[in-house]
Amino acid sequence: MIATASALGRVLAKAIKAPIPLPPFKRSTVDGFAVLAKDTFGASSTLPVYLNLIGEIEMGSRKPPPSLMPTKSIVIHTGGMLPNEADAVVMIEDTQRISENEVEVLKAVAPGENVLLKGEDVNQGDVVIHSGSILRAQEIGGLMALGFVDVEVVKKPRIGILSTGNEVVHPEVDPQLGQVRDVNSYTLSSLIEKAGGEPHRWGIVPDNFEALLGVAKKAHLEDEVVIITAGSSVSVHDLTSNVIEKLGEPGVLVHGVAIKPGRPTILAVADGIPIIGLPGNPVSALLIAKIFVSPLIQHLLGIEGAAPEAQLIAKLSINLNSQAGREDYIPVNLVREDDHWIAEPVFGRSNLIFTLVRAGGLIRIPPQVTGLPAGSDVVVELF
């Protein structure tokens, strides 16, 4: 249970039923005069209808409004509670105040005009927000309108991140010759938070089997998903797959995916805990995490249906080649030209993080084609 005011972006754990109808009473949508609609029929600027004024409905008053008899009217404000007998409101712009006790109606209104009926938005007992829904600003408002100041949400899945490599140092360290700062722990943490998870950084682990196995075992016990960056390529120096096999059954399911960048990805399960081995190159690691980690987090959160991606259509600026049977993801810069967007590919190797910094989105080349021609419409996933 958390405060509803702090629940933006969280996933609802249990469906919400309306304990009351909304609106809870019949309300006016305008400033004007509460009337019986039939008393205004035939009214016009050349042949007005005259109604007696019997008072004013005070906003927020705990007293019920007075009864409304035929040929009578009551001053009412936007959001005010209508008398039971009133079935319409004449806008103040369509009236002329003749005296303290009389109003001239210059336009007829139909039954229900300028009126919100009790329960028109929500009926009592209706399921108004389903479990698995992501709480947006409008859901927060709806919960508050029904009096839910606290709400039960799904616990954020904890995602362990192990960054490996003898050459990797913490960002606050000045790298010596042959060293690089840790990028992946922080890009992945940001992506995990955006997807609704809770990142748990285990720090930098050296390229040593026993050291990596020791930290991986701790992460396997404490976290709901374990991500190991680097060490996923097939080589004598890469230890990730061997470590995963020691964590539980069934172990490695996939070692290598037909995606560029990110081919040496590992997908595994160890005693019910998903484990993903990501390439060490920052671009590859982030793109593969977007493809596999984000949907996995949404699944663990129980989100109803796939969360929609922000996309737009753009025209490709140049020809792009691709290899059949492989899915390619190309970072692109977006440039507005006249009434459309131009997608300009940003070329760079997968170990250059500023390749993505300079990009506004990604285009996907599906495995069944060998490229995309210049000028073609492409879907850009904003990233």
Protein backbone atom coordinates (compact mmCIF):
# COMPACT_ATOMS: atom_id res chain seq x y z
CA MET A 1 0.00 0.00 0.00
CA ILE A 2 1.34 3.41 -0.94
CA ALA A 3 -0.06 6.92 -1.02
CA THR A 4 -2.08 7.46 -4.19
CA ALA A 5 -0.38 10.83 -4.62
CA SER A 6 2.93 8.96 -5.03
CA ALA A 7 1.60 6.15 -7.25
CA LEU A 8 2.24 7.67 -10.69
CA GLY A 9 3.65 5.01 -13.02
CA ARG A 10 3.03 2.14 -10.59
CA VAL A 11 1.01 -0.97 -11.50
CA LEU A 12 -2.31 -1.54 -9.77
CA ALA A 13 -2.40 -4.81 -7.80
CA LYS A 14 -6.17 -5.13 -7.32
CA ALA A 15 -9.08 -3.88 -9.37
CA ILE A 16 -10.79 -0.75 -8.06
CA LYS A 17 -14.58 -0.72 -7.64
CA ALA A 18 -16.39 2.56 -7.22
CA PRO A 19 -17.77 2.83 -3.66
CA ILE A 20 -19.97 5.75 -4.73
CA PRO A 21 -21.41 7.03 -8.00
CA LEU A 22 -19.71 9.91 -9.80
CA PRO A 23 -20.99 12.52 -9.90
CA PRO A 24 -22.56 11.75 -6.51
CA PHE A 25 -25.46 14.10 -7.29
CA LYS A 26 -27.02 15.87 -10.26
CA ARG A 27 -24.80 18.86 -11.15
CA SER A 28 -24.79 21.88 -13.41
CA THR A 29 -22.05 22.20 -16.04
CA VAL A 30 -22.53 25.97 -16.47
CA ASP A 31 -23.40 29.15 -14.60
CA GLY A 32 -27.06 29.94 -15.08
CA PHE A 33 -30.54 29.05 -13.88
CA ALA A 34 -31.92 25.65 -12.90
CA VAL A 35 -35.28 25.13 -14.59
CA LEU A 36 -37.86 22.65 -15.74
CA ALA A 37 -36.99 22.32 -19.43
CA LYS A 38 -40.64 22.34 -20.52
CA ASP A 39 -41.03 25.84 -19.06
CA THR A 40 -38.52 27.16 -21.64
CA PHE A 41 -39.97 25.55 -24.76
CA GLY A 42 -40.53 28.13 -27.49
CA ALA A 43 -38.31 30.76 -25.86
CA SER A 44 -36.30 32.99 -28.20
CA SER A 45 -34.72 36.43 -28.25
CA THR A 46 -37.88 37.82 -29.90
CA LEU A 47 -40.31 35.84 -27.76
CA PRO A 48 -38.72 35.28 -24.35
CA VAL A 49 -40.09 33.25 -21.49
CA TYR A 50 -40.34 34.79 -18.04
CA LEU A 51 -39.62 32.73 -14.90
CA ASN A 52 -39.80 33.62 -11.24
CA LEU A 53 -36.57 33.45 -9.23
CA ILE A 54 -36.92 31.70 -5.89
CA GLY A 55 -33.32 31.80 -4.66
CA GLU A 56 -29.73 30.74 -5.24
CA ILE A 57 -27.98 27.39 -4.71
CA GLU A 58 -24.87 28.02 -2.62
CA MET A 59 -21.76 26.09 -3.62
CA GLY A 60 -20.75 23.50 -1.04
CA SER A 61 -23.87 23.95 1.05
CA ARG A 62 -24.75 20.85 3.07
CA LYS A 63 -28.43 21.67 2.80
CA PRO A 64 -30.41 20.16 -0.10
CA PRO A 65 -31.50 22.74 -2.68
CA PRO A 66 -35.06 24.01 -2.49
CA SER A 67 -37.81 22.31 -4.48
CA LEU A 68 -38.48 23.69 -7.92
CA MET A 69 -42.07 24.23 -9.03
CA PRO A 70 -43.30 24.98 -12.59
CA THR A 71 -42.51 28.50 -13.93
CA LYS A 72 -39.84 28.90 -11.25
CA SER A 73 -36.03 29.02 -11.52
CA ILE A 74 -33.03 29.06 -9.19
CA VAL A 75 -29.62 30.67 -9.67
CA ILE A 76 -26.95 27.94 -9.94
CA HIS A 77 -23.19 27.91 -10.50
CA THR A 78 -20.96 25.48 -12.37
CA GLY A 79 -20.76 22.26 -10.35
CA GLY A 80 -23.75 23.17 -8.18
CA MET A 81 -26.29 20.54 -7.10
CA LEU A 82 -29.59 20.71 -8.96
CA PRO A 83 -32.94 20.37 -7.22
CA ASN A 84 -34.51 16.97 -7.74
CA GLU A 85 -37.24 18.43 -9.95
CA ALA A 86 -34.89 20.45 -12.22
CA ASP A 87 -33.90 18.71 -15.46
CA ALA A 88 -31.97 21.45 -17.28
CA VAL A 89 -29.91 24.62 -16.81
CA VAL A 90 -30.20 27.75 -18.93
CA MET A 91 -26.80 29.37 -19.48
CA ILE A 92 -26.51 32.84 -18.02
CA GLU A 93 -25.56 34.12 -21.50
CA ASP A 94 -29.02 33.08 -22.73
CA THR A 95 -30.90 35.06 -20.06
CA GLN A 96 -31.62 38.60 -18.97
CA ARG A 97 -32.15 39.44 -15.31
CA ILE A 98 -35.31 41.56 -15.18
CA SER A 99 -35.48 42.08 -11.45
CA GLU A 100 -34.45 40.50 -8.21
CA ASN A 101 -37.31 38.03 -8.55
CA GLU A 102 -37.61 37.48 -12.32
CA VAL A 103 -35.46 36.29 -15.22
CA GLU A 104 -36.03 36.49 -18.96
CA VAL A 105 -35.11 33.29 -20.86
CA LEU A 106 -34.00 33.96 -24.45
CA LYS A 107 -33.30 30.38 -25.56
CA ALA A 108 -35.05 27.07 -24.95
CA VAL A 109 -33.22 24.15 -23.34
CA ALA A 110 -33.88 20.43 -23.70
CA PRO A 111 -34.18 17.98 -20.79
CA GLY A 112 -30.65 17.11 -19.60
CA GLU A 113 -29.03 20.13 -21.25
CA ASN A 114 -26.07 21.54 -19.27
CA VAL A 115 -26.58 18.85 -16.63
CA LEU A 116 -24.40 15.99 -15.34
CA LEU A 117 -26.57 13.17 -14.05
CA LYS A 118 -25.79 11.21 -10.89
CA GLY A 119 -23.55 8.28 -11.86
CA GLU A 120 -23.05 9.58 -15.42
CA ASP A 121 -19.27 9.10 -15.09
CA VAL A 122 -19.21 6.04 -12.81
CA ASN A 123 -21.93 3.90 -11.25
CA GLN A 124 -21.55 2.58 -7.75
CA GLY A 125 -19.96 -0.89 -7.87
CA ASP A 126 -18.42 -0.43 -11.33
CA VAL A 127 -14.88 -1.71 -11.87
CA VAL A 128 -13.24 1.55 -12.84
CA ILE A 129 -9.55 0.57 -12.98
CA HIS A 130 -8.46 -3.00 -13.68
CA SER A 131 -5.58 -4.78 -11.98
CA GLY A 132 -2.43 -4.64 -14.06
CA SER A 133 -3.14 -1.06 -15.15
CA ILE A 134 -0.32 1.46 -15.13
CA LEU A 135 -1.44 4.43 -13.05
CA ARG A 136 -1.31 7.62 -15.11
CA ALA A 137 -2.27 11.15 -14.04
CA GLN A 138 -5.91 10.47 -14.95
CA GLU A 139 -6.04 7.30 -12.84
CA ILE A 140 -4.57 9.21 -9.88
CA GLY A 141 -7.33 11.79 -10.28
CA GLY A 142 -10.01 9.12 -10.55
CA LEU A 143 -8.80 7.38 -7.40
CA MET A 144 -8.82 10.65 -5.48
CA ALA A 145 -12.33 11.43 -6.73
CA LEU A 146 -13.49 8.14 -5.19
CA GLY A 147 -11.64 8.73 -1.92
CA PHE A 148 -8.80 6.24 -2.41
CA VAL A 149 -5.95 8.15 -0.77
CA ASP A 150 -3.94 4.90 -0.54
CA VAL A 151 -3.73 2.22 -3.19
CA GLU A 152 -2.30 -1.28 -3.45
CA VAL A 153 0.32 -1.59 -6.17
CA VAL A 154 2.58 -4.37 -7.42
CA LYS A 155 5.97 -4.47 -5.76
CA LYS A 156 8.71 -3.42 -8.14
CA PRO A 157 10.71 -6.47 -9.24
CA ARG A 158 14.31 -6.21 -8.08
CA ILE A 159 16.78 -6.56 -10.95
CA GLY A 160 20.37 -7.41 -10.07
CA ILE A 161 23.09 -5.90 -12.28
CA LEU A 162 26.62 -7.34 -12.36
CA SER A 163 29.17 -5.44 -14.42
CA THR A 164 32.24 -7.52 -15.24
CA GLY A 165 35.70 -6.83 -16.59
CA ASN A 166 39.23 -6.31 -15.29
CA GLU A 167 39.39 -3.12 -17.33
CA VAL A 168 36.22 -1.56 -15.87
CA VAL A 169 36.42 1.07 -13.08
CA HIS A 170 33.84 3.17 -11.27
CA PRO A 171 32.81 6.42 -12.97
CA GLU A 172 34.37 8.59 -10.26
CA VAL A 173 37.79 7.02 -10.86
CA ASP A 174 40.26 8.52 -13.33
CA PRO A 175 40.91 5.60 -15.71
CA GLN A 176 44.49 4.50 -16.11
CA LEU A 177 45.94 3.18 -19.35
CA GLY A 178 43.75 0.33 -20.61
CA GLN A 179 40.84 1.10 -18.27
CA VAL A 180 37.32 2.35 -19.01
CA ARG A 181 34.58 3.73 -16.77
CA ASP A 182 31.52 1.61 -15.98
CA VAL A 183 28.68 2.74 -18.23
CA ASN A 184 26.39 -0.29 -18.35
CA SER A 185 25.45 -0.38 -14.66
CA TYR A 186 23.97 3.09 -14.97
CA THR A 187 22.31 2.92 -18.38
CA LEU A 188 20.69 -0.38 -17.36
CA SER A 189 19.58 1.04 -14.01
CA SER A 190 17.85 3.90 -15.80
CA LEU A 191 16.16 1.56 -18.27
CA ILE A 192 15.01 -0.74 -15.44
CA GLU A 193 13.53 2.18 -13.49
CA LYS A 194 11.72 3.41 -16.60
CA ALA A 195 10.25 -0.08 -17.15
CA GLY A 196 9.00 -0.22 -13.54
CA GLY A 197 11.73 -2.29 -11.90
CA GLU A 198 14.09 -1.62 -9.01
CA PRO A 199 17.76 -1.79 -10.05
CA HIS A 200 20.21 -3.41 -7.65
CA ARG A 201 23.79 -2.76 -8.65
CA TRP A 202 26.28 -5.34 -7.41
CA GLY A 203 29.31 -3.37 -8.52
CA ILE A 204 32.18 -4.37 -10.77
CA VAL A 205 33.29 -8.00 -10.73
CA PRO A 206 36.71 -9.03 -12.11
CA ASP A 207 37.08 -11.59 -14.90
CA ASN A 208 37.49 -14.46 -12.50
CA PHE A 209 35.25 -17.51 -12.36
CA GLU A 210 35.12 -17.83 -8.56
CA ALA A 211 34.63 -14.11 -8.02
CA LEU A 212 31.81 -13.89 -10.59
CA LEU A 213 30.16 -17.07 -9.30
CA GLY A 214 30.21 -15.76 -5.72
CA VAL A 215 28.48 -12.48 -6.58
CA ALA A 216 26.09 -14.18 -9.02
CA LYS A 217 24.97 -16.60 -6.28
CA LYS A 218 24.14 -13.68 -3.98
CA ALA A 219 22.21 -11.92 -6.74
CA HIS A 220 20.40 -15.16 -7.57
CA LEU A 221 19.21 -15.40 -3.96
CA GLU A 222 18.20 -11.76 -3.50
CA ASP A 223 16.94 -10.58 -6.90
CA GLU A 224 14.07 -11.59 -9.15
CA VAL A 225 16.11 -11.17 -12.33
CA VAL A 226 19.89 -11.22 -12.73
CA ILE A 227 21.69 -9.31 -15.49
CA ILE A 228 25.38 -9.90 -16.18
CA THR A 229 27.06 -7.51 -18.58
CA ALA A 230 30.05 -8.59 -20.65
CA GLY A 231 31.40 -12.11 -20.68
CA SER A 232 28.67 -13.31 -23.05
CA SER A 233 30.80 -13.88 -26.15
CA VAL A 234 31.94 -17.39 -26.98
CA SER A 235 35.60 -17.31 -26.01
CA VAL A 236 37.94 -18.80 -23.45
CA HIS A 237 37.89 -15.56 -21.46
CA ASP A 238 34.12 -15.28 -21.23
CA LEU A 239 32.79 -16.85 -18.07
CA THR A 240 29.12 -15.88 -17.94
CA SER A 241 27.63 -19.01 -19.47
CA ASN A 242 29.74 -21.26 -17.24
CA VAL A 243 28.71 -19.33 -14.14
CA ILE A 244 25.03 -19.46 -15.10
CA GLU A 245 25.18 -23.23 -15.45
CA LYS A 246 26.27 -23.42 -11.80
CA LEU A 247 23.29 -21.39 -10.53
CA GLY A 248 20.47 -23.84 -11.23
CA GLU A 249 18.35 -25.67 -13.77
CA PRO A 250 17.74 -25.56 -16.67
CA GLY A 251 20.54 -23.02 -17.20
CA VAL A 252 21.40 -21.45 -20.53
CA LEU A 253 18.51 -21.61 -23.02
CA VAL A 254 19.88 -19.36 -25.75
CA HIS A 255 23.45 -18.29 -26.45
CA GLY A 256 23.40 -15.95 -29.40
CA VAL A 257 20.51 -14.08 -31.04
CA ALA A 258 20.04 -12.98 -34.65
CA ILE A 259 20.13 -9.29 -33.73
CA LYS A 260 22.63 -6.56 -34.53
CA PRO A 261 24.00 -5.15 -32.33
CA GLY A 262 23.87 -7.71 -29.54
CA ARG A 263 24.42 -11.10 -31.17
CA PRO A 264 26.24 -12.80 -28.22
CA THR A 265 23.29 -12.36 -25.80
CA ILE A 266 22.57 -15.15 -23.29
CA LEU A 267 19.03 -15.99 -22.15
CA ALA A 268 18.80 -18.36 -19.21
CA VAL A 269 16.70 -19.52 -16.25
CA ALA A 270 18.20 -20.87 -13.03
CA ASP A 271 15.70 -22.42 -10.62
CA GLY A 272 12.96 -20.04 -11.71
CA ILE A 273 15.10 -16.89 -11.81
CA PRO A 274 15.54 -15.32 -15.27
CA ILE A 275 19.16 -14.51 -16.08
CA ILE A 276 20.28 -12.42 -19.03
CA GLY A 277 23.87 -12.12 -20.20
CA LEU A 278 24.38 -8.89 -22.09
CA PRO A 279 27.27 -7.85 -24.33
CA GLY A 280 29.74 -5.51 -22.70
CA ASN A 281 29.57 -2.83 -25.37
CA PRO A 282 27.29 -0.05 -24.05
CA VAL A 283 25.16 0.33 -27.19
CA SER A 284 24.61 -3.41 -27.53
CA ALA A 285 23.85 -3.82 -23.83
CA LEU A 286 21.25 -1.04 -23.79
CA LEU A 287 19.51 -2.10 -27.00
CA ILE A 288 19.31 -5.75 -25.98
CA ALA A 289 18.00 -4.72 -22.55
CA LYS A 290 15.28 -2.72 -24.28
CA ILE A 291 14.30 -5.78 -26.33
CA PHE A 292 14.42 -8.41 -23.57
CA VAL A 293 14.64 -6.83 -20.11
CA SER A 294 11.88 -4.21 -20.39
CA PRO A 295 9.19 -6.70 -21.55
CA LEU A 296 10.34 -9.15 -18.85
CA ILE A 297 9.81 -6.50 -16.17
CA GLN A 298 6.35 -5.70 -17.56
CA HIS A 299 5.52 -9.41 -17.42
CA LEU A 300 6.66 -9.65 -13.79
CA LEU A 301 4.56 -6.60 -12.94
CA GLY A 302 1.48 -8.25 -14.44
CA ILE A 303 0.82 -5.34 -16.78
CA GLU A 304 -2.32 -5.94 -18.85
CA GLY A 305 -1.19 -6.13 -22.48
CA ALA A 306 2.02 -4.71 -23.91
CA ALA A 307 2.75 -1.14 -22.93
CA PRO A 308 2.65 0.92 -26.16
CA GLU A 309 5.90 2.31 -27.50
CA ALA A 310 6.17 5.96 -28.46
CA GLN A 311 6.63 5.91 -32.25
CA LEU A 312 6.48 8.16 -35.27
CA ILE A 313 6.72 7.75 -39.04
CA ALA A 314 9.73 9.29 -40.79
CA LYS A 315 11.35 9.16 -44.21
CA LEU A 316 14.71 7.43 -44.38
CA SER A 317 17.46 9.76 -45.59
CA ILE A 318 19.78 7.14 -47.18
CA ASN A 319 19.81 3.53 -48.33
CA LEU A 320 20.44 0.99 -45.57
CA ASN A 321 21.79 -2.49 -46.18
CA SER A 322 21.04 -5.44 -43.94
CA GLN A 323 21.76 -9.15 -43.78
CA ALA A 324 18.83 -11.49 -44.44
CA GLY A 325 17.89 -13.55 -41.39
CA ARG A 326 19.13 -10.94 -38.93
CA GLU A 327 17.15 -8.21 -37.17
CA ASP A 328 19.00 -4.89 -37.27
CA TYR A 329 18.42 -1.88 -35.03
CA ILE A 330 19.76 1.41 -36.36
CA PRO A 331 19.96 4.57 -34.24
CA VAL A 332 18.62 7.60 -36.11
CA ASN A 333 18.59 11.34 -35.63
CA LEU A 334 15.25 12.99 -36.33
CA VAL A 335 15.09 16.20 -38.38
CA ARG A 336 11.86 18.07 -39.08
CA GLU A 337 11.44 19.02 -42.74
CA ASP A 338 8.28 20.79 -43.94
CA ASP A 339 5.39 18.58 -42.80
CA HIS A 340 7.31 15.37 -42.08
CA TRP A 341 10.26 13.90 -40.19
CA ILE A 342 13.54 12.72 -41.73
CA ALA A 343 15.35 9.78 -40.12
CA GLU A 344 19.13 10.17 -40.48
CA PRO A 345 21.08 7.05 -39.42
CA VAL A 346 23.74 7.61 -36.76
CA PHE A 347 26.60 5.25 -37.53
CA GLY A 348 29.01 4.15 -34.86
CA ARG A 349 30.42 1.03 -33.28
CA SER A 350 28.53 -0.65 -30.47
CA ASN A 351 31.09 0.37 -27.85
CA LEU A 352 30.47 4.09 -28.47
CA ILE A 353 27.69 5.24 -26.11
CA PHE A 354 27.42 8.66 -27.78
CA THR A 355 26.09 6.90 -30.86
CA LEU A 356 22.85 6.63 -28.88
CA VAL A 357 23.23 10.03 -27.24
CA ARG A 358 23.16 11.62 -30.71
CA ALA A 359 20.09 9.58 -31.72
CA GLY A 360 16.43 10.36 -31.11
CA GLY A 361 15.17 6.87 -31.85
CA LEU A 362 15.67 3.49 -33.46
CA ILE A 363 14.49 1.91 -36.67
CA ARG A 364 14.18 -1.84 -37.02
CA ILE A 365 15.09 -3.72 -40.18
CA PRO A 366 13.23 -7.04 -40.05
CA PRO A 367 15.09 -10.29 -40.75
CA GLN A 368 13.18 -11.08 -43.95
CA VAL A 369 14.56 -8.08 -45.88
CA THR A 370 18.06 -7.10 -47.02
CA GLY A 371 17.75 -3.37 -46.48
CA LEU A 372 15.60 -0.27 -46.76
CA PRO A 373 15.68 2.26 -49.62
CA ALA A 374 16.17 5.99 -49.15
CA GLY A 375 12.88 7.88 -49.03
CA SER A 376 10.91 4.96 -47.63
CA ASP A 377 8.61 5.46 -44.65
CA VAL A 378 10.04 3.88 -41.51
CA VAL A 379 8.68 3.47 -37.99
CA VAL A 380 10.97 5.16 -35.47
CA GLU A 381 10.79 3.96 -31.87
CA LEU A 382 11.59 6.96 -29.70
CA PHE A 383 14.31 5.88 -27.31
